[in-house]
Amino acid sequence: MLPFFLYEDLLLAAIMFGVGLLLTYFEKINEAINQLDWREYLFFLYMFHMLFGEREFAYLGIEPLFVTEIVLGILTVAYARDLLKIRRELFIYYLIVLIGIGFAFVYFFQHQLDAVRDSFMLIYAFWVPIVYYVFRGRKHYELFFLFLKLFIVLKAIAYCYEAAMIILGYQRITFEGFRFGVGYILPSMIVIAIFLPFKHIGIKYKLLGLFMIPAVFTVFHRSIFMGIFIALAVIFIIGSHLSRKNILTYGVTSLVLLIGFLIYYNTLVEVDIFDILDRKTSLDEGNINYRMLSWQYVMQNFYQNFLIGYGVGRPVMFAYQDVFYSTVDMTYFEIRDLAGNAQPHNSYLNILTRFGILIFPLFLYAIFKPLFRLKNYINQKRKNGENAYSMFLLLTGFLLLMYVLAFFNVVLEGPHHSFPFWLVIGMLLSFGRAGNLSPKIVRIRRYLKP
């Protein structure tokens, strides 16, 4: 819990430290943590705060060595022998990483560290082998879902804390008086989780989880709405009868909560929220037009370099004050200082343009590989009970959410959003291997008295 003090407000960090510590012992999460070796402990510590803190935690450190690069380097060395044992199973991810390193080397002499930063779009795929090896047993998945309890409680505290600070006048609401800064990924995952019948997440946690409904809504990212909707639709189709019942029950509850929140919240802020909603749902809204125009400019660079790619280390586009420029003669830092934009809000398109049409199919195979195993997992859904299958459904919904977010946002380009993307891929690939859907065998020995 101590890293909270590195990226949260001091008062909020102190509150979450105390509550988190108590909950860790009350839910016996500490006992599961004590069973980890130091490498697993480092990974789960990093995972917890990366999912919770996102950007604020990801960029702790000194350029170019932030916390992600340091942890990734330590775990790579520490797990070196173990990672070699799974190289055949996960060969595609090793290949993707080597391609990224190759591009970084080729363009380094021309663009220095900017080439390395861009190449991390592929290099971060190395999280998959690490995650695949770490989650080699049921206990690691069980710990992840124990963390889900912490996530629900602590995110609810963070959300209420920010609301209180806004009402008291210590903070201002951004995004036209509409957006709370509660993050993107974790609140969305919590929203998906409350619809599933986990045996260890009772009604109290479900009620706290409902706080994330208005939290996600006030972020007002249409890609998040779409991702959650697609995730829940797929869960409804492949889920059990109990899962479908939960989706209907909590869906109605969430809708009532959200409407009530909006009506009340509209009386607290100076702007008309419903007017904002009306403008934001229009197809003529500027954010939608910006994405379409940025994709067009990026595609021009793709057509000119479609075979071997545009390369890494230089901006693939440049937009400044709603004006797009056909040529880019500035570095990322120069564009950042101008408050301009140098990345298309589409990670797939960015990778296609930078690395070319020859490499892009390899990348697609790597990210869609978990989907090839879904049918086998679905066929085993009755073998180990409702809870294990609910874990699988949450990971599947989480994966679909990340697919959608990467299509409409800058996800794979940075560590804070690329980590959950590759995390869920590694967890799904290892899910069956860890025995989560296999029947638990209890051996009963009979002793006869002599």
Protein backbone atom coordinates (compact mmCIF):
# COMPACT_ATOMS: atom_id res chain seq x y z
CA MET A 1 0.00 0.00 0.00
CA LEU A 2 2.96 2.34 0.44
CA PRO A 3 3.26 3.25 -3.29
CA PHE A 4 -0.05 5.15 -2.94
CA PHE A 5 1.99 7.94 -1.36
CA LEU A 6 4.00 8.28 -4.56
CA TYR A 7 1.14 9.17 -6.88
CA GLU A 8 -2.01 10.03 -4.88
CA ASP A 9 -2.92 13.04 -2.72
CA LEU A 10 -1.40 12.66 0.72
CA LEU A 11 -4.73 12.52 2.55
CA LEU A 12 -6.26 10.06 0.05
CA ALA A 13 -3.10 7.94 0.13
CA ALA A 14 -3.25 7.77 3.93
CA ILE A 15 -6.93 6.76 3.89
CA MET A 16 -6.39 4.07 1.25
CA PHE A 17 -3.27 2.83 3.03
CA GLY A 18 -5.20 2.29 6.26
CA VAL A 19 -8.31 0.78 4.69
CA GLY A 20 -6.26 -1.35 2.28
CA LEU A 21 -4.11 -2.70 5.11
CA LEU A 22 -7.15 -3.62 7.20
CA LEU A 23 -8.91 -5.24 4.27
CA THR A 24 -5.78 -7.19 3.36
CA TYR A 25 -5.78 -8.86 6.78
CA PHE A 26 -9.57 -9.10 7.11
CA GLU A 27 -9.91 -10.91 3.76
CA LYS A 28 -6.71 -12.91 4.41
CA ILE A 29 -5.11 -11.54 1.28
CA ASN A 30 -1.86 -11.27 3.23
CA GLU A 31 -1.78 -15.05 3.58
CA ALA A 32 -1.91 -15.47 -0.20
CA ILE A 33 0.77 -12.80 -0.65
CA ASN A 34 3.06 -14.52 1.86
CA GLN A 35 3.10 -17.62 -0.36
CA LEU A 36 4.70 -15.71 -3.24
CA ASP A 37 8.42 -15.67 -3.96
CA TRP A 38 10.12 -12.29 -4.39
CA ARG A 39 9.69 -12.28 -8.18
CA GLU A 40 5.96 -12.95 -7.95
CA TYR A 41 5.64 -10.37 -5.18
CA LEU A 42 7.33 -7.75 -7.36
CA PHE A 43 5.05 -8.59 -10.29
CA PHE A 44 1.82 -8.45 -8.26
CA LEU A 45 2.91 -5.23 -6.55
CA TYR A 46 3.55 -3.65 -9.94
CA MET A 47 0.33 -5.08 -11.39
CA PHE A 48 -1.79 -3.79 -8.52
CA HIS A 49 -0.56 -0.21 -8.75
CA MET A 50 -0.37 -0.11 -12.54
CA LEU A 51 -4.03 -1.09 -12.78
CA PHE A 52 -5.00 1.28 -9.97
CA GLY A 53 -2.81 4.29 -10.71
CA GLU A 54 -2.53 4.04 -14.51
CA ARG A 55 -0.62 7.06 -15.88
CA GLU A 56 0.24 8.56 -12.49
CA PHE A 57 2.01 5.37 -11.42
CA ALA A 58 3.42 4.40 -14.82
CA TYR A 59 5.61 7.48 -15.16
CA LEU A 60 7.26 7.33 -11.77
CA GLY A 61 11.00 7.50 -12.35
CA ILE A 62 13.46 9.47 -14.43
CA GLU A 63 13.33 9.63 -18.23
CA PRO A 64 13.89 7.18 -19.91
CA LEU A 65 13.82 4.69 -17.00
CA PHE A 66 10.33 4.67 -15.57
CA VAL A 67 8.93 2.04 -13.22
CA THR A 68 7.72 -0.19 -16.08
CA GLU A 69 11.09 -0.48 -17.76
CA ILE A 70 12.79 -1.15 -14.42
CA VAL A 71 10.31 -3.87 -13.35
CA LEU A 72 10.23 -5.44 -16.81
CA GLY A 73 14.03 -5.60 -16.88
CA ILE A 74 14.29 -7.13 -13.39
CA LEU A 75 11.64 -9.78 -14.11
CA THR A 76 13.19 -10.64 -17.47
CA VAL A 77 16.54 -11.38 -15.85
CA ALA A 78 15.00 -13.13 -12.84
CA TYR A 79 12.78 -15.38 -14.99
CA ALA A 80 15.30 -15.87 -17.81
CA ARG A 81 15.60 -19.66 -17.53
CA ASP A 82 11.88 -20.15 -16.96
CA LEU A 83 10.97 -17.99 -19.95
CA LEU A 84 13.19 -20.08 -22.20
CA LYS A 85 11.13 -23.15 -21.29
CA ILE A 86 7.94 -21.65 -22.78
CA ARG A 87 9.50 -20.12 -25.90
CA ARG A 88 7.87 -22.64 -28.24
CA GLU A 89 4.39 -22.16 -26.83
CA LEU A 90 4.69 -18.37 -27.02
CA PHE A 91 7.04 -18.08 -29.97
CA ILE A 92 4.93 -15.41 -31.69
CA TYR A 93 5.40 -13.01 -28.76
CA TYR A 94 9.15 -13.50 -28.67
CA LEU A 95 9.19 -12.83 -32.41
CA ILE A 96 7.13 -9.64 -32.01
CA VAL A 97 9.51 -8.41 -29.31
CA LEU A 98 12.57 -9.15 -31.47
CA ILE A 99 11.02 -7.21 -34.34
CA GLY A 100 10.46 -4.26 -32.03
CA ILE A 101 14.07 -4.41 -30.81
CA GLY A 102 15.26 -4.63 -34.42
CA PHE A 103 13.34 -1.50 -35.41
CA ALA A 104 14.68 0.32 -32.35
CA PHE A 105 18.25 -0.57 -33.32
CA VAL A 106 17.88 0.39 -37.00
CA TYR A 107 16.33 3.79 -36.29
CA PHE A 108 18.25 4.58 -33.10
CA PHE A 109 21.15 6.24 -34.88
CA GLN A 110 18.74 8.64 -36.58
CA HIS A 111 16.14 9.31 -33.88
CA GLN A 112 17.83 8.16 -30.63
CA LEU A 113 15.48 7.47 -27.71
CA ASP A 114 12.38 8.38 -29.69
CA ALA A 115 13.00 5.26 -31.79
CA VAL A 116 13.12 3.13 -28.65
CA ARG A 117 9.90 4.65 -27.30
CA ASP A 118 7.98 3.88 -30.48
CA SER A 119 9.41 0.36 -30.65
CA PHE A 120 7.98 -0.39 -27.21
CA MET A 121 4.61 -0.75 -28.94
CA LEU A 122 5.88 -4.23 -29.82
CA ILE A 123 8.46 -4.73 -27.07
CA TYR A 124 5.78 -4.48 -24.37
CA ALA A 125 4.42 -7.76 -25.76
CA PHE A 126 7.11 -9.40 -23.61
CA TRP A 127 4.66 -9.03 -20.74
CA VAL A 128 2.77 -12.00 -22.20
CA PRO A 129 5.48 -14.65 -21.49
CA ILE A 130 6.06 -13.17 -18.03
CA VAL A 131 2.34 -13.16 -17.21
CA TYR A 132 1.94 -16.62 -18.72
CA TYR A 133 4.63 -18.01 -16.43
CA VAL A 134 3.57 -16.11 -13.29
CA PHE A 135 -0.04 -17.30 -13.64
CA ARG A 136 0.91 -20.95 -13.85
CA GLY A 137 -1.28 -22.08 -10.96
CA ARG A 138 -4.76 -21.54 -9.57
CA LYS A 139 -3.46 -19.66 -6.55
CA HIS A 140 -2.19 -16.83 -8.73
CA TYR A 141 -5.59 -16.37 -10.35
CA GLU A 142 -7.26 -16.56 -6.96
CA LEU A 143 -4.93 -13.80 -5.71
CA PHE A 144 -5.81 -11.64 -8.71
CA PHE A 145 -9.49 -11.97 -7.91
CA LEU A 146 -8.81 -11.30 -4.23
CA PHE A 147 -7.23 -8.05 -5.39
CA LEU A 148 -10.52 -7.33 -7.10
CA LYS A 149 -12.04 -6.80 -3.65
CA LEU A 150 -9.34 -4.26 -2.85
CA PHE A 151 -9.86 -2.57 -6.19
CA ILE A 152 -13.61 -2.21 -5.60
CA VAL A 153 -13.26 -0.72 -2.11
CA LEU A 154 -10.29 1.57 -2.83
CA LYS A 155 -11.68 2.89 -6.11
CA ALA A 156 -14.97 3.69 -4.37
CA ILE A 157 -12.99 5.58 -1.71
CA ALA A 158 -11.04 7.48 -4.38
CA TYR A 159 -14.25 8.35 -6.18
CA CYS A 160 -16.02 9.59 -3.04
CA TYR A 161 -12.90 11.50 -1.96
CA GLU A 162 -12.74 13.38 -5.24
CA ALA A 163 -16.48 14.13 -5.09
CA ALA A 164 -16.05 15.53 -1.57
CA MET A 165 -13.08 17.68 -2.62
CA ILE A 166 -15.10 19.07 -5.52
CA ILE A 167 -18.12 19.87 -3.34
CA LEU A 168 -15.85 21.54 -0.75
CA GLY A 169 -14.19 23.59 -3.49
CA TYR A 170 -10.68 22.14 -3.19
CA GLN A 171 -10.76 20.60 -6.68
CA ARG A 172 -12.34 21.49 -9.98
CA ILE A 173 -14.15 19.13 -12.30
CA THR A 174 -12.51 18.92 -15.70
CA PHE A 175 -14.01 18.31 -19.14
CA GLU A 176 -16.72 21.00 -19.07
CA GLY A 177 -17.68 20.22 -15.50
CA PHE A 178 -18.27 16.58 -16.25
CA ARG A 179 -15.27 14.34 -15.75
CA PHE A 180 -13.94 12.73 -12.60
CA GLY A 181 -10.32 11.56 -12.63
CA VAL A 182 -10.86 7.97 -11.52
CA GLY A 183 -9.03 6.26 -14.38
CA TYR A 184 -10.22 4.28 -17.37
CA ILE A 185 -9.27 0.61 -17.25
CA LEU A 186 -9.89 -0.57 -13.70
CA PRO A 187 -13.30 1.11 -13.21
CA SER A 188 -14.45 -0.47 -16.48
CA MET A 189 -13.28 -3.91 -15.34
CA ILE A 190 -15.12 -3.46 -12.03
CA VAL A 191 -18.31 -2.58 -13.91
CA ILE A 192 -18.05 -5.84 -15.87
CA ALA A 193 -17.24 -7.80 -12.68
CA ILE A 194 -20.37 -6.72 -10.77
CA PHE A 195 -22.51 -8.53 -13.35
CA LEU A 196 -20.87 -11.89 -12.65
CA PRO A 197 -21.72 -14.38 -9.86
CA PHE A 198 -18.40 -14.59 -8.00
CA LYS A 199 -18.81 -16.58 -4.80
CA HIS A 200 -16.23 -14.51 -2.89
CA ILE A 201 -17.59 -11.11 -3.94
CA GLY A 202 -20.75 -10.67 -1.89
CA ILE A 203 -23.53 -8.14 -2.01
CA LYS A 204 -21.53 -5.55 -0.04
CA TYR A 205 -18.79 -5.50 -2.65
CA LYS A 206 -21.36 -5.49 -5.45
CA LEU A 207 -23.02 -2.40 -3.95
CA LEU A 208 -19.66 -0.63 -3.66
CA GLY A 209 -18.87 -1.68 -7.21
CA LEU A 210 -21.97 0.18 -8.38
CA PHE A 211 -20.09 3.41 -7.61
CA MET A 212 -18.08 2.74 -10.74
CA ILE A 213 -21.19 3.03 -12.93
CA PRO A 214 -21.39 6.84 -12.64
CA ALA A 215 -17.59 6.98 -12.40
CA VAL A 216 -17.21 5.36 -15.81
CA PHE A 217 -20.09 7.36 -17.24
CA THR A 218 -18.61 10.71 -16.18
CA VAL A 219 -15.40 9.85 -18.00
CA PHE A 220 -17.64 9.82 -21.08
CA HIS A 221 -15.43 7.85 -23.41
CA ARG A 222 -17.67 6.36 -26.04
CA SER A 223 -15.09 3.64 -26.64
CA ILE A 224 -15.43 2.58 -22.99
CA PHE A 225 -19.21 2.40 -23.32
CA MET A 226 -18.87 0.35 -26.49
CA GLY A 227 -16.26 -1.95 -24.93
CA ILE A 228 -18.38 -2.62 -21.83
CA PHE A 229 -21.50 -3.19 -23.94
CA ILE A 230 -19.74 -5.68 -26.23
CA ALA A 231 -18.17 -7.44 -23.24
CA LEU A 232 -21.51 -7.85 -21.47
CA ALA A 233 -23.24 -8.94 -24.68
CA VAL A 234 -20.69 -11.71 -25.23
CA ILE A 235 -20.84 -12.73 -21.55
CA PHE A 236 -24.63 -12.90 -21.83
CA ILE A 237 -24.33 -15.19 -24.87
CA ILE A 238 -21.68 -17.60 -23.58
CA GLY A 239 -22.43 -17.29 -19.87
CA SER A 240 -24.52 -19.48 -17.64
CA HIS A 241 -28.15 -18.89 -16.68
CA LEU A 242 -26.98 -17.30 -13.41
CA SER A 243 -24.70 -14.91 -15.31
CA ARG A 244 -27.58 -13.83 -17.55
CA LYS A 245 -29.79 -13.29 -14.52
CA ASN A 246 -27.10 -11.13 -12.90
CA ILE A 247 -26.69 -9.03 -16.03
CA LEU A 248 -30.41 -8.29 -16.12
CA THR A 249 -30.66 -7.63 -12.37
CA TYR A 250 -27.62 -5.38 -12.04
CA GLY A 251 -28.30 -3.81 -15.42
CA VAL A 252 -31.63 -2.43 -14.21
CA THR A 253 -30.08 -1.40 -10.87
CA SER A 254 -27.21 0.37 -12.65
CA LEU A 255 -29.57 2.24 -14.96
CA VAL A 256 -31.68 3.51 -12.03
CA LEU A 257 -28.52 4.51 -10.11
CA LEU A 258 -27.09 6.33 -13.12
CA ILE A 259 -30.26 8.30 -13.86
CA GLY A 260 -30.56 9.32 -10.22
CA PHE A 261 -26.90 10.33 -10.13
CA LEU A 262 -27.19 12.49 -13.26
CA ILE A 263 -30.29 14.30 -12.01
CA TYR A 264 -28.65 15.05 -8.65
CA TYR A 265 -25.20 15.80 -10.09
CA ASN A 266 -26.73 18.26 -12.56
CA THR A 267 -27.82 20.42 -9.61
CA LEU A 268 -24.25 20.66 -8.27
CA VAL A 269 -22.34 21.84 -11.35
CA GLU A 270 -22.58 25.05 -13.32
CA VAL A 271 -23.12 23.41 -16.70
CA ASP A 272 -26.09 21.50 -18.08
CA ILE A 273 -25.00 17.86 -18.18
CA PHE A 274 -27.87 16.81 -20.39
CA ASP A 275 -26.91 19.47 -22.92
CA ILE A 276 -23.38 18.05 -22.88
CA LEU A 277 -24.80 14.57 -23.41
CA ASP A 278 -26.80 15.78 -26.37
CA ARG A 279 -23.73 17.35 -27.99
CA LYS A 280 -21.43 14.43 -27.21
CA THR A 281 -23.79 11.90 -28.78
CA SER A 282 -23.90 13.83 -32.04
CA LEU A 283 -21.93 12.41 -34.96
CA ASP A 284 -20.78 15.96 -35.75
CA GLU A 285 -18.97 16.23 -32.41
CA GLY A 286 -15.35 17.37 -32.78
CA ASN A 287 -13.71 14.38 -31.11
CA ILE A 288 -15.20 11.98 -33.66
CA ASN A 289 -14.16 14.19 -36.57
CA TYR A 290 -10.65 14.49 -35.14
CA ARG A 291 -10.21 10.73 -35.06
CA MET A 292 -11.43 10.29 -38.61
CA LEU A 293 -9.13 13.03 -39.92
CA SER A 294 -6.12 11.72 -37.97
CA TRP A 295 -6.67 8.24 -39.38
CA GLN A 296 -6.78 9.65 -42.91
CA TYR A 297 -3.46 11.45 -42.46
CA VAL A 298 -1.84 8.36 -40.97
CA MET A 299 -3.14 6.20 -43.82
CA GLN A 300 -1.39 8.51 -46.29
CA ASN A 301 1.92 7.61 -44.64
CA PHE A 302 0.94 3.94 -44.73
CA TYR A 303 0.25 4.01 -48.48
CA GLN A 304 3.65 5.57 -49.09
CA ASN A 305 5.48 3.00 -46.91
CA PHE A 306 3.08 0.06 -46.83
CA LEU A 307 5.67 -2.70 -47.31
CA ILE A 308 8.39 -1.99 -44.73
CA GLY A 309 6.56 0.66 -42.74
CA TYR A 310 6.95 4.33 -41.90
CA GLY A 311 9.46 3.45 -39.20
CA VAL A 312 9.86 4.53 -35.59
CA GLY A 313 11.27 7.56 -33.83
CA ARG A 314 9.38 10.32 -35.64
CA PRO A 315 5.76 11.43 -35.34
CA VAL A 316 3.44 9.75 -37.79
CA MET A 317 1.15 12.81 -37.76
CA PHE A 318 0.96 16.33 -36.35
CA ALA A 319 -2.17 18.19 -35.28
CA TYR A 320 -2.11 21.57 -33.58
CA GLN A 321 -5.15 23.64 -32.62
CA ASP A 322 -7.45 21.49 -34.76
CA VAL A 323 -5.22 21.86 -37.83
CA PHE A 324 -3.52 18.83 -39.42
CA TYR A 325 -0.16 19.28 -41.12
CA SER A 326 1.00 17.04 -43.96
CA THR A 327 4.69 17.23 -43.00
CA VAL A 328 6.22 16.76 -39.55
CA ASP A 329 9.63 18.29 -38.84
CA MET A 330 9.45 18.28 -35.05
CA THR A 331 10.22 15.77 -32.34
CA TYR A 332 7.69 14.35 -29.88
CA PHE A 333 8.87 16.69 -27.13
CA GLU A 334 8.57 19.76 -29.36
CA ILE A 335 5.02 18.78 -30.28
CA ARG A 336 4.22 18.09 -26.62
CA ASP A 337 5.51 21.52 -25.58
CA LEU A 338 3.16 23.09 -28.12
CA ALA A 339 0.26 21.04 -26.69
CA GLY A 340 -0.10 19.39 -30.09
CA ASN A 341 -0.92 15.78 -30.94
CA ALA A 342 1.46 13.31 -32.58
CA GLN A 343 -0.37 10.00 -32.25
CA PRO A 344 -3.49 8.70 -33.98
CA HIS A 345 -6.14 7.47 -31.58
CA ASN A 346 -5.91 3.96 -32.99
CA SER A 347 -3.07 1.71 -31.83
CA TYR A 348 -3.69 -0.88 -34.56
CA LEU A 349 -3.44 1.73 -37.31
CA ASN A 350 -0.30 3.16 -35.71
CA ILE A 351 1.40 -0.24 -35.68
CA LEU A 352 0.27 -1.02 -39.24
CA THR A 353 1.73 2.25 -40.50
CA ARG A 354 4.99 2.11 -38.57
CA PHE A 355 5.89 -1.55 -39.07
CA GLY A 356 4.33 -2.28 -42.45
CA ILE A 357 1.98 -4.80 -43.99
CA LEU A 358 4.48 -7.68 -43.70
CA ILE A 359 4.68 -7.53 -39.91
CA PHE A 360 1.10 -6.53 -39.15
CA PRO A 361 -0.39 -10.07 -39.65
CA LEU A 362 2.06 -11.41 -37.05
CA PHE A 363 0.88 -8.75 -34.63
CA LEU A 364 -2.77 -9.61 -35.30
CA TYR A 365 -2.12 -13.30 -34.69
CA ALA A 366 -0.41 -12.44 -31.39
CA ILE A 367 -3.27 -10.34 -30.03
CA PHE A 368 -6.06 -12.65 -31.24
CA LYS A 369 -4.41 -15.89 -30.14
CA PRO A 370 -6.48 -16.11 -26.91
CA LEU A 371 -9.67 -16.16 -29.00
CA PHE A 372 -8.61 -19.48 -30.53
CA ARG A 373 -8.86 -21.08 -27.07
CA LEU A 374 -12.24 -19.69 -26.08
CA LYS A 375 -14.23 -22.53 -27.61
CA ASN A 376 -12.30 -25.09 -25.59
CA TYR A 377 -12.79 -23.07 -22.39
CA ILE A 378 -16.52 -22.67 -23.05
CA ASN A 379 -16.91 -26.43 -23.50
CA GLN A 380 -15.39 -26.96 -20.04
CA LYS A 381 -17.54 -24.41 -18.21
CA ARG A 382 -19.36 -26.98 -16.05
CA LYS A 383 -16.30 -28.90 -14.94
CA ASN A 384 -15.12 -26.73 -12.07
CA GLY A 385 -18.12 -24.76 -10.92
CA GLU A 386 -19.66 -21.34 -11.49
CA ASN A 387 -16.89 -19.31 -9.86
CA ALA A 388 -14.08 -20.57 -12.10
CA TYR A 389 -16.19 -19.96 -15.19
CA SER A 390 -17.03 -16.46 -13.94
CA MET A 391 -13.29 -15.77 -13.76
CA PHE A 392 -13.01 -16.81 -17.39
CA LEU A 393 -15.98 -14.64 -18.37
CA LEU A 394 -14.49 -11.58 -16.67
CA LEU A 395 -11.15 -12.07 -18.42
CA THR A 396 -12.94 -12.54 -21.75
CA GLY A 397 -14.95 -9.36 -21.22
CA PHE A 398 -11.81 -7.53 -20.13
CA LEU A 399 -10.01 -8.66 -23.30
CA LEU A 400 -12.86 -7.44 -25.54
CA LEU A 401 -12.85 -4.12 -23.69
CA MET A 402 -9.12 -3.70 -24.36
CA TYR A 403 -9.58 -4.60 -28.03
CA VAL A 404 -12.12 -1.80 -28.40
CA LEU A 405 -10.09 0.74 -26.42
CA ALA A 406 -7.01 0.08 -28.55
CA PHE A 407 -9.04 0.74 -31.71
CA PHE A 408 -10.17 4.21 -30.60
CA ASN A 409 -7.38 5.37 -28.29
CA VAL A 410 -3.64 5.55 -27.68
CA VAL A 411 -3.26 2.26 -25.79
CA LEU A 412 -0.28 0.19 -26.93
CA GLU A 413 1.99 3.21 -27.26
CA GLY A 414 2.44 3.74 -23.52
CA PRO A 415 3.05 1.51 -20.50
CA HIS A 416 -0.05 2.39 -18.46
CA HIS A 417 -2.58 1.06 -20.97
CA SER A 418 -0.47 -1.47 -22.84
CA PHE A 419 0.18 -3.42 -19.62
CA PRO A 420 -3.49 -4.40 -19.00
CA PHE A 421 -3.80 -5.19 -22.73
CA TRP A 422 -0.96 -7.73 -22.67
CA LEU A 423 -1.81 -8.80 -19.09
CA VAL A 424 -5.24 -10.16 -19.99
CA ILE A 425 -3.84 -11.90 -23.09
CA GLY A 426 -1.26 -13.72 -20.97
CA MET A 427 -3.83 -14.61 -18.30
CA LEU A 428 -6.27 -16.08 -20.82
CA LEU A 429 -3.54 -18.07 -22.57
CA SER A 430 -2.52 -19.62 -19.25
CA PHE A 431 -6.03 -19.98 -17.82
CA GLY A 432 -6.61 -23.59 -18.88
CA ARG A 433 -2.98 -24.55 -18.30
CA ALA A 434 -3.30 -23.46 -14.67
CA GLY A 435 -6.15 -25.94 -14.16
CA ASN A 436 -8.88 -23.38 -13.51
CA LEU A 437 -11.46 -25.27 -15.55
CA SER A 438 -10.34 -28.74 -14.52
CA PRO A 439 -12.26 -30.56 -11.79
CA LYS A 440 -10.63 -30.31 -8.40
CA ILE A 441 -9.62 -33.71 -7.14
CA VAL A 442 -9.84 -34.44 -3.46
CA ARG A 443 -8.00 -37.53 -2.38
CA ILE A 444 -9.55 -39.36 0.56
CA ARG A 445 -7.43 -41.96 2.23
CA ARG A 446 -8.97 -44.66 4.36
CA TYR A 447 -6.99 -45.94 7.27
CA LEU A 448 -7.88 -49.30 8.80
CA LYS A 449 -7.13 -49.98 12.40
CA PRO A 450 -4.89 -52.99 12.89
